C-alpha atoms as a PDB file:
ATOM      1  CA  UNK A   1     -57.992 -27.923   1.209  1.00  0.00           C
ATOM      2  CA  UNK A   2     -59.551 -31.182   2.624  1.00  0.00           C
ATOM      3  CA  UNK A   3     -61.824 -29.211   4.823  1.00  0.00           C
ATOM      4  CA  UNK A   4     -63.734 -27.652   1.831  1.00  0.00           C
ATOM      5  CA  UNK A   5     -63.736 -30.871  -0.232  1.00  0.00           C
ATOM      6  CA  UNK A   6     -65.192 -32.829   2.692  1.00  0.00           C
ATOM      7  CA  UNK A   7     -67.680 -30.201   3.889  1.00  0.00           C
ATOM      8  CA  UNK A   8     -70.415 -31.897   1.768  1.00  0.00           C
ATOM      9  CA  UNK A   9     -69.808 -35.140   3.601  1.00  0.00           C
ATOM     10  CA  UNK A  10     -71.864 -34.334   6.808  1.00  0.00           C
ATOM     11  CA  UNK A  11     -73.454 -37.394   8.513  1.00  0.00           C
ATOM     12  CA  UNK A  12     -76.885 -35.953   8.026  1.00  0.00           C
ATOM     13  CA  UNK A  13     -76.445 -36.396   4.258  1.00  0.00           C
ATOM     14  CA  UNK A  14     -75.804 -40.080   4.713  1.00  0.00           C
ATOM     15  CA  UNK A  15     -79.113 -41.664   3.415  1.00  0.00           C
ATOM     16  CA  UNK A  16     -77.711 -45.249   3.065  1.00  0.00           C
ATOM     17  CA  UNK A  17     -76.944 -47.477   6.130  1.00  0.00           C
ATOM     18  CA  UNK A  18     -73.213 -48.036   6.701  1.00  0.00           C
ATOM     19  CA  UNK A  19     -71.869 -51.492   6.014  1.00  0.00           C
ATOM     20  CA  UNK A  20     -68.878 -53.222   7.543  1.00  0.00           C
ATOM     21  CA  UNK A  21     -66.476 -51.370   5.131  1.00  0.00           C
ATOM     22  CA  UNK A  22     -67.792 -47.937   6.299  1.00  0.00           C
ATOM     23  CA  UNK A  23     -67.499 -48.793   9.953  1.00  0.00           C
ATOM     24  CA  UNK A  24     -64.230 -50.552   9.765  1.00  0.00           C
ATOM     25  CA  UNK A  25     -62.560 -48.056   7.563  1.00  0.00           C
ATOM     26  CA  UNK A  26     -63.623 -45.080   9.661  1.00  0.00           C
ATOM     27  CA  UNK A  27     -62.592 -46.938  12.926  1.00  0.00           C
ATOM     28  CA  UNK A  28     -59.213 -48.049  11.542  1.00  0.00           C
ATOM     29  CA  UNK A  29     -58.305 -44.976   9.540  1.00  0.00           C
ATOM     30  CA  UNK A  30     -59.181 -42.682  12.547  1.00  0.00           C
ATOM     31  CA  UNK A  31     -56.763 -44.895  14.580  1.00  0.00           C
ATOM     32  CA  UNK A  32     -54.163 -44.785  11.944  1.00  0.00           C
ATOM     33  CA  UNK A  33     -54.506 -40.829  11.720  1.00  0.00           C
ATOM     34  CA  UNK A  34     -53.854 -40.663  15.514  1.00  0.00           C
ATOM     35  CA  UNK A  35     -50.388 -41.790  15.015  1.00  0.00           C
ATOM     36  CA  UNK A  36     -49.701 -39.484  12.064  1.00  0.00           C
ATOM     37  CA  UNK A  37     -50.891 -36.570  14.203  1.00  0.00           C
ATOM     38  CA  UNK A  38     -48.511 -37.689  17.043  1.00  0.00           C
ATOM     39  CA  UNK A  39     -45.665 -37.809  14.372  1.00  0.00           C
ATOM     40  CA  UNK A  40     -46.512 -34.194  13.364  1.00  0.00           C
ATOM     41  CA  UNK A  41     -46.531 -32.927  16.955  1.00  0.00           C
ATOM     42  CA  UNK A  42     -43.113 -34.308  17.561  1.00  0.00           C
ATOM     43  CA  UNK A  43     -41.609 -32.239  14.743  1.00  0.00           C
ATOM     44  CA  UNK A  44     -43.628 -29.007  14.597  1.00  0.00           C
ATOM     45  CA  UNK A  45     -41.660 -26.092  15.926  1.00  0.00           C
ATOM     46  CA  UNK A  46     -38.318 -27.966  15.661  1.00  0.00           C
ATOM     47  CA  UNK A  47     -35.396 -27.221  13.392  1.00  0.00           C
ATOM     48  CA  UNK A  48     -36.295 -29.841  10.819  1.00  0.00           C
ATOM     49  CA  UNK A  49     -36.279 -27.493   7.783  1.00  0.00           C
ATOM     50  CA  UNK A  50     -39.174 -25.594   6.223  1.00  0.00           C
ATOM     51  CA  UNK A  51     -40.348 -28.491   4.063  1.00  0.00           C
ATOM     52  CA  UNK A  52     -40.861 -30.762   6.917  1.00  0.00           C
ATOM     53  CA  UNK A  53     -42.569 -27.982   8.907  1.00  0.00           C
ATOM     54  CA  UNK A  54     -44.887 -27.340   6.103  1.00  0.00           C
ATOM     55  CA  UNK A  55     -45.723 -31.055   5.399  1.00  0.00           C
ATOM     56  CA  UNK A  56     -46.344 -31.582   9.160  1.00  0.00           C
ATOM     57  CA  UNK A  57     -48.576 -28.592   9.427  1.00  0.00           C
ATOM     58  CA  UNK A  58     -50.617 -29.692   6.463  1.00  0.00           C
ATOM     59  CA  UNK A  59     -50.967 -33.230   7.639  1.00  0.00           C
ATOM     60  CA  UNK A  60     -51.935 -32.205  11.082  1.00  0.00           C
ATOM     61  CA  UNK A  61     -54.658 -29.974   9.711  1.00  0.00           C
ATOM     62  CA  UNK A  62     -55.981 -32.371   7.034  1.00  0.00           C
ATOM     63  CA  UNK A  63     -55.933 -35.469   9.159  1.00  0.00           C
ATOM     64  CA  UNK A  64     -57.367 -33.807  12.231  1.00  0.00           C
ATOM     65  CA  UNK A  65     -60.378 -32.775  10.095  1.00  0.00           C
ATOM     66  CA  UNK A  66     -60.745 -36.267   8.545  1.00  0.00           C
ATOM     67  CA  UNK A  67     -60.478 -37.913  11.925  1.00  0.00           C
ATOM     68  CA  UNK A  68     -63.093 -35.661  13.244  1.00  0.00           C
ATOM     69  CA  UNK A  69     -65.376 -36.533  10.413  1.00  0.00           C
ATOM     70  CA  UNK A  70     -64.881 -40.212  10.740  1.00  0.00           C
ATOM     71  CA  UNK A  71     -65.589 -40.021  14.524  1.00  0.00           C
ATOM     72  CA  UNK A  72     -68.770 -37.917  13.836  1.00  0.00           C
ATOM     73  CA  UNK A  73     -69.940 -40.546  11.338  1.00  0.00           C
ATOM     74  CA  UNK A  74     -69.209 -43.371  13.732  1.00  0.00           C
ATOM     75  CA  UNK A  75     -71.079 -41.581  16.563  1.00  0.00           C
ATOM     76  CA  UNK A  76     -74.085 -41.054  14.334  1.00  0.00           C
ATOM     77  CA  UNK A  77     -74.070 -44.742  13.500  1.00  0.00           C
ATOM     78  CA  UNK A  78     -73.915 -45.746  17.057  1.00  0.00           C
ATOM     79  CA  UNK A  79     -70.447 -47.218  16.704  1.00  0.00           C
ATOM     80  CA  UNK A  80     -67.420 -47.058  18.882  1.00  0.00           C
ATOM     81  CA  UNK A  81     -64.668 -44.344  18.457  1.00  0.00           C
ATOM     82  CA  UNK A  82     -62.412 -46.054  20.916  1.00  0.00           C
ATOM     83  CA  UNK A  83     -59.097 -47.218  19.474  1.00  0.00           C
ATOM     84  CA  UNK A  84     -59.478 -50.775  18.197  1.00  0.00           C
ATOM     85  CA  UNK A  85     -57.537 -53.660  19.536  1.00  0.00           C
ATOM     86  CA  UNK A  86     -57.801 -55.453  16.229  1.00  0.00           C
ATOM     87  CA  UNK A  87     -57.864 -53.749  12.888  1.00  0.00           C
ATOM     88  CA  UNK A  88     -58.287 -54.451   9.157  1.00  0.00           C
ATOM     89  CA  UNK A  89     -60.942 -57.217   9.635  1.00  0.00           C
ATOM     90  CA  UNK A  90     -63.168 -55.417   7.124  1.00  0.00           C
ATOM     91  CA  UNK A  91     -60.425 -55.917   4.598  1.00  0.00           C
ATOM     92  CA  UNK A  92     -60.211 -59.681   5.294  1.00  0.00           C
ATOM     93  CA  UNK A  93     -56.827 -59.371   6.961  1.00  0.00           C
ATOM     94  CA  UNK A  94     -57.516 -58.864  10.708  1.00  0.00           C
ATOM     95  CA  UNK A  95     -54.440 -58.318  12.982  1.00  0.00           C
ATOM     96  CA  UNK A  96     -53.612 -56.699  16.240  1.00  0.00           C
ATOM     97  CA  UNK A  97     -53.585 -52.916  16.071  1.00  0.00           C
ATOM     98  CA  UNK A  98     -49.852 -52.696  16.657  1.00  0.00           C
ATOM     99  CA  UNK A  99     -49.277 -54.675  13.517  1.00  0.00           C
ATOM    100  CA  UNK A 100     -51.320 -52.300  11.370  1.00  0.00           C
ATOM    101  CA  UNK A 101     -49.390 -51.546   7.965  1.00  0.00           C
ATOM    102  CA  UNK A 102     -47.595 -48.240   8.193  1.00  0.00           C
ATOM    103  CA  UNK A 103     -47.592 -47.813  11.928  1.00  0.00           C
ATOM    104  CA  UNK A 104     -44.289 -46.793  13.520  1.00  0.00           C
ATOM    105  CA  UNK A 105     -43.085 -48.793  16.348  1.00  0.00           C
ATOM    106  CA  UNK A 106     -42.811 -47.246  19.908  1.00  0.00           C
ATOM    107  CA  UNK A 107     -39.112 -47.206  19.555  1.00  0.00           C
ATOM    108  CA  UNK A 108     -39.273 -45.345  16.217  1.00  0.00           C
ATOM    109  CA  UNK A 109     -41.726 -42.812  17.728  1.00  0.00           C
ATOM    110  CA  UNK A 110     -39.287 -42.317  20.628  1.00  0.00           C
ATOM    111  CA  UNK A 111     -36.406 -41.839  18.216  1.00  0.00           C
ATOM    112  CA  UNK A 112     -38.502 -39.267  16.256  1.00  0.00           C
ATOM    113  CA  UNK A 113     -39.095 -37.334  19.467  1.00  0.00           C
ATOM    114  CA  UNK A 114     -35.413 -37.168  20.405  1.00  0.00           C
ATOM    115  CA  UNK A 115     -33.794 -36.717  16.960  1.00  0.00           C
ATOM    116  CA  UNK A 116     -32.652 -33.197  16.085  1.00  0.00           C
ATOM    117  CA  UNK A 117     -32.310 -31.059  12.953  1.00  0.00           C
ATOM    118  CA  UNK A 118     -32.275 -32.494   9.456  1.00  0.00           C
ATOM    119  CA  UNK A 119     -31.928 -35.854  10.987  1.00  0.00           C
ATOM    120  CA  UNK A 120     -35.276 -35.479  12.643  1.00  0.00           C
ATOM    121  CA  UNK A 121     -36.737 -34.164   9.299  1.00  0.00           C
ATOM    122  CA  UNK A 122     -35.314 -37.172   7.355  1.00  0.00           C
ATOM    123  CA  UNK A 123     -36.785 -39.671  10.071  1.00  0.00           C
ATOM    124  CA  UNK A 124     -40.151 -37.880   9.867  1.00  0.00           C
ATOM    125  CA  UNK A 125     -40.344 -38.185   6.014  1.00  0.00           C
ATOM    126  CA  UNK A 126     -39.172 -41.738   6.216  1.00  0.00           C
ATOM    127  CA  UNK A 127     -41.727 -42.803   8.934  1.00  0.00           C
ATOM    128  CA  UNK A 128     -44.542 -40.708   7.459  1.00  0.00           C
ATOM    129  CA  UNK A 129     -43.801 -42.165   3.936  1.00  0.00           C
ATOM    130  CA  UNK A 130     -44.282 -45.628   5.267  1.00  0.00           C
ATOM    131  CA  UNK A 131     -47.304 -44.577   7.270  1.00  0.00           C
ATOM    132  CA  UNK A 132     -48.879 -43.144   4.121  1.00  0.00           C
ATOM    133  CA  UNK A 133     -48.158 -46.262   2.146  1.00  0.00           C
ATOM    134  CA  UNK A 134     -50.345 -48.134   4.705  1.00  0.00           C
ATOM    135  CA  UNK A 135     -53.018 -45.387   4.642  1.00  0.00           C
ATOM    136  CA  UNK A 136     -53.236 -45.538   0.772  1.00  0.00           C
ATOM    137  CA  UNK A 137     -53.695 -49.307   0.853  1.00  0.00           C
ATOM    138  CA  UNK A 138     -56.520 -49.039   3.480  1.00  0.00           C
ATOM    139  CA  UNK A 139     -58.134 -45.988   1.579  1.00  0.00           C
ATOM    140  CA  UNK A 140     -58.039 -47.807  -1.649  1.00  0.00           C
ATOM    141  CA  UNK A 141     -59.821 -50.793  -0.056  1.00  0.00           C
ATOM    142  CA  UNK A 142     -62.666 -48.604   1.045  1.00  0.00           C
ATOM    143  CA  UNK A 143     -64.150 -48.402  -2.320  1.00  0.00           C
ATOM    144  CA  UNK A 144     -66.704 -51.052  -1.171  1.00  0.00           C
ATOM    145  CA  UNK A 145     -68.196 -48.638   1.374  1.00  0.00           C
ATOM    146  CA  UNK A 146     -71.960 -48.196   1.241  1.00  0.00           C
ATOM    147  CA  UNK A 147     -72.030 -44.474   1.899  1.00  0.00           C
ATOM    148  CA  UNK A 148     -70.902 -41.873  -0.538  1.00  0.00           C
ATOM    149  CA  UNK A 149     -69.134 -39.633   2.105  1.00  0.00           C
ATOM    150  CA  UNK A 150     -66.873 -42.555   3.238  1.00  0.00           C
ATOM    151  CA  UNK A 151     -66.058 -43.356  -0.404  1.00  0.00           C
ATOM    152  CA  UNK A 152     -65.389 -39.731  -0.945  1.00  0.00           C
ATOM    153  CA  UNK A 153     -63.096 -39.366   2.088  1.00  0.00           C
ATOM    154  CA  UNK A 154     -61.280 -42.545   1.208  1.00  0.00           C
ATOM    155  CA  UNK A 155     -60.647 -41.378  -2.425  1.00  0.00           C
ATOM    156  CA  UNK A 156     -59.464 -37.958  -1.128  1.00  0.00           C
ATOM    157  CA  UNK A 157     -57.199 -39.541   1.524  1.00  0.00           C
ATOM    158  CA  UNK A 158     -55.747 -41.877  -1.066  1.00  0.00           C
ATOM    159  CA  UNK A 159     -54.947 -39.051  -3.586  1.00  0.00           C
ATOM    160  CA  UNK A 160     -53.550 -36.576  -0.884  1.00  0.00           C
ATOM    161  CA  UNK A 161     -51.347 -39.268   0.605  1.00  0.00           C
ATOM    162  CA  UNK A 162     -50.048 -40.565  -2.716  1.00  0.00           C
ATOM    163  CA  UNK A 163     -49.058 -36.980  -3.719  1.00  0.00           C
ATOM    164  CA  UNK A 164     -47.304 -36.518  -0.333  1.00  0.00           C
ATOM    165  CA  UNK A 165     -45.490 -39.868  -0.789  1.00  0.00           C
ATOM    166  CA  UNK A 166     -44.049 -38.471  -4.063  1.00  0.00           C
ATOM    167  CA  UNK A 167     -43.172 -35.183  -2.366  1.00  0.00           C
ATOM    168  CA  UNK A 168     -41.375 -37.079   0.385  1.00  0.00           C
ATOM    169  CA  UNK A 169     -39.463 -39.289  -2.094  1.00  0.00           C
ATOM    170  CA  UNK A 170     -38.271 -36.052  -3.843  1.00  0.00           C
ATOM    171  CA  UNK A 171     -37.190 -34.436  -0.417  1.00  0.00           C
ATOM    172  CA  UNK A 172     -35.399 -37.636   0.649  1.00  0.00           C
ATOM    173  CA  UNK A 173     -33.378 -37.596  -2.498  1.00  0.00           C
ATOM    174  CA  UNK A 174     -32.551 -33.854  -2.239  1.00  0.00           C
ATOM    175  CA  UNK A 175     -32.676 -31.766   0.820  1.00  0.00           C
ATOM    176  CA  UNK A 176     -32.840 -34.719   3.248  1.00  0.00           C
ATOM    177  CA  UNK A 177     -30.445 -37.074   1.359  1.00  0.00           C
ATOM    178  CA  UNK A 178     -27.880 -38.869   3.540  1.00  0.00           C
END
């Protein structure tokens, strides 16, 4: 789904020079996606229930593609793809990377890796929901990007993650309710 929608966003189509928002968003969102991918890898193939397995597989596919696109753009602009030590400066709220909104703590990631069954599924949904809230906030702030492909990927990420938040809320009230 995201792959086809973003295929038109190849870096060669970027006629406008990137601005601070383009670069900052791509660096920070790629970093943010890395943790989402790690969360998915901790639950895939585990007995978390089919809804979590489907969600994790979809997120893994979509965010891997988005992260790859952002890294491609950054490289084409001569910018770093290394994980940042400070984030969100382009939003006027610079902070250490570990404090980025929506990131799970080291302890939460460890708990996600060791939980089992529906409890692991519930924890995944809870952590990913929070993660997505932070991602939507960042994506919505990228409307000031100079390049159309970055604005497009930000809009797509915001819409997809907002939809997934609603889906996670429903699952947490039903199948994964405590």
